[in-house]
């Protein structure tokens, strides 16, 4: 039986690669992460959600344009009633 360490089985890690992996793990990328759904029901639900969100945002944009074009260069009128 061999006693002691064997030459080829020890793993050597360099300091540069350890330092790089530590920095890479600390600095995560900013932004939203999204994984596309794979199941058929989840795909249909995601498509419906996307379509509804587009309709809602278009409706809000139309309302903003209507509110902005009603007066002179005003974005929105005051919602509070005047005394």
Protein backbone atom coordinates (compact mmCIF):
# COMPACT_ATOMS: atom_id res chain seq x y z
CA UNK A 1 0.00 0.00 0.00
CA UNK A 2 1.13 3.50 -0.80
CA UNK A 3 1.45 5.76 2.16
CA UNK A 4 1.50 9.52 1.88
CA UNK A 5 0.41 11.76 -0.94
CA UNK A 6 0.51 10.66 -4.54
CA UNK A 7 1.77 13.04 -7.18
CA UNK A 8 -1.01 13.14 -9.76
CA UNK A 9 -4.12 13.07 -7.57
CA UNK A 10 -3.81 16.42 -5.82
CA UNK A 11 -5.65 19.31 -7.44
CA UNK A 12 -3.85 22.59 -7.69
CA UNK A 13 -5.92 25.77 -7.73
CA UNK A 14 -4.26 28.95 -8.77
CA UNK A 15 -4.92 32.11 -6.84
CA UNK A 16 -5.99 34.02 -9.95
CA UNK A 17 -8.79 31.60 -10.84
CA UNK A 18 -10.05 31.51 -7.24
CA UNK A 19 -10.05 35.30 -7.10
CA UNK A 20 -11.84 35.52 -10.46
CA UNK A 21 -14.56 33.09 -9.42
CA UNK A 22 -15.10 34.99 -6.16
CA UNK A 23 -15.49 38.29 -8.03
CA UNK A 24 -17.76 36.76 -10.66
CA UNK A 25 -20.01 35.30 -7.97
CA UNK A 26 -20.21 38.60 -6.10
CA UNK A 27 -21.14 40.72 -9.13
CA UNK A 28 -24.42 39.39 -10.45
CA UNK A 29 -25.85 40.88 -13.61
CA UNK A 30 -28.60 43.44 -13.16
CA UNK A 31 -31.98 43.03 -14.78
CA UNK A 32 -34.96 40.79 -14.78
CA UNK A 33 -34.45 37.08 -15.32
CA UNK A 34 -37.11 35.15 -17.19
CA UNK A 35 -37.29 31.51 -18.19
CA UNK A 36 -39.84 30.72 -20.88
CA UNK A 37 -42.50 28.18 -19.87
CA UNK A 38 -42.37 24.71 -21.35
CA UNK A 39 -45.73 23.17 -20.41
CA UNK A 40 -48.61 23.78 -22.81
CA UNK A 41 -50.91 25.30 -20.17
CA UNK A 42 -48.15 27.59 -18.90
CA UNK A 43 -47.35 28.70 -22.46
CA UNK A 44 -51.01 29.58 -23.08
CA UNK A 45 -51.23 31.44 -19.76
CA UNK A 46 -48.07 33.43 -20.56
CA UNK A 47 -49.42 34.36 -24.01
CA UNK A 48 -52.73 35.49 -22.49
CA UNK A 49 -50.89 37.54 -19.85
CA UNK A 50 -48.77 39.22 -22.53
CA UNK A 51 -51.83 40.04 -24.64
CA UNK A 52 -53.77 41.46 -21.68
CA UNK A 53 -50.83 43.58 -20.51
CA UNK A 54 -50.48 45.03 -24.02
CA UNK A 55 -54.19 45.91 -24.07
CA UNK A 56 -54.00 47.55 -20.64
CA UNK A 57 -50.93 49.63 -21.54
CA UNK A 58 -52.53 50.75 -24.83
CA UNK A 59 -55.66 51.77 -22.94
CA UNK A 60 -53.62 53.79 -20.43
CA UNK A 61 -51.71 55.49 -23.24
CA UNK A 62 -54.96 56.43 -24.99
CA UNK A 63 -56.35 57.88 -21.77
CA UNK A 64 -53.18 59.91 -21.23
CA UNK A 65 -53.30 61.26 -24.78
CA UNK A 66 -56.96 62.21 -24.33
CA UNK A 67 -56.22 63.94 -21.02
CA UNK A 68 -53.23 65.78 -22.47
CA UNK A 69 -55.00 66.98 -25.61
CA UNK A 70 -58.04 68.39 -23.78
CA UNK A 71 -56.32 71.61 -22.65
CA UNK A 72 -53.36 73.82 -23.43
CA UNK A 73 -50.12 71.85 -22.95
CA UNK A 74 -51.27 70.28 -19.72
CA UNK A 75 -50.51 66.69 -19.03
CA UNK A 76 -53.34 66.03 -16.61
CA UNK A 77 -56.03 68.07 -14.89
CA UNK A 78 -56.22 68.23 -11.11
CA UNK A 79 -58.41 65.50 -9.72
CA UNK A 80 -59.25 67.51 -6.58
CA UNK A 81 -62.50 69.46 -6.76
CA UNK A 82 -62.20 73.24 -6.60
CA UNK A 83 -63.78 74.90 -3.54
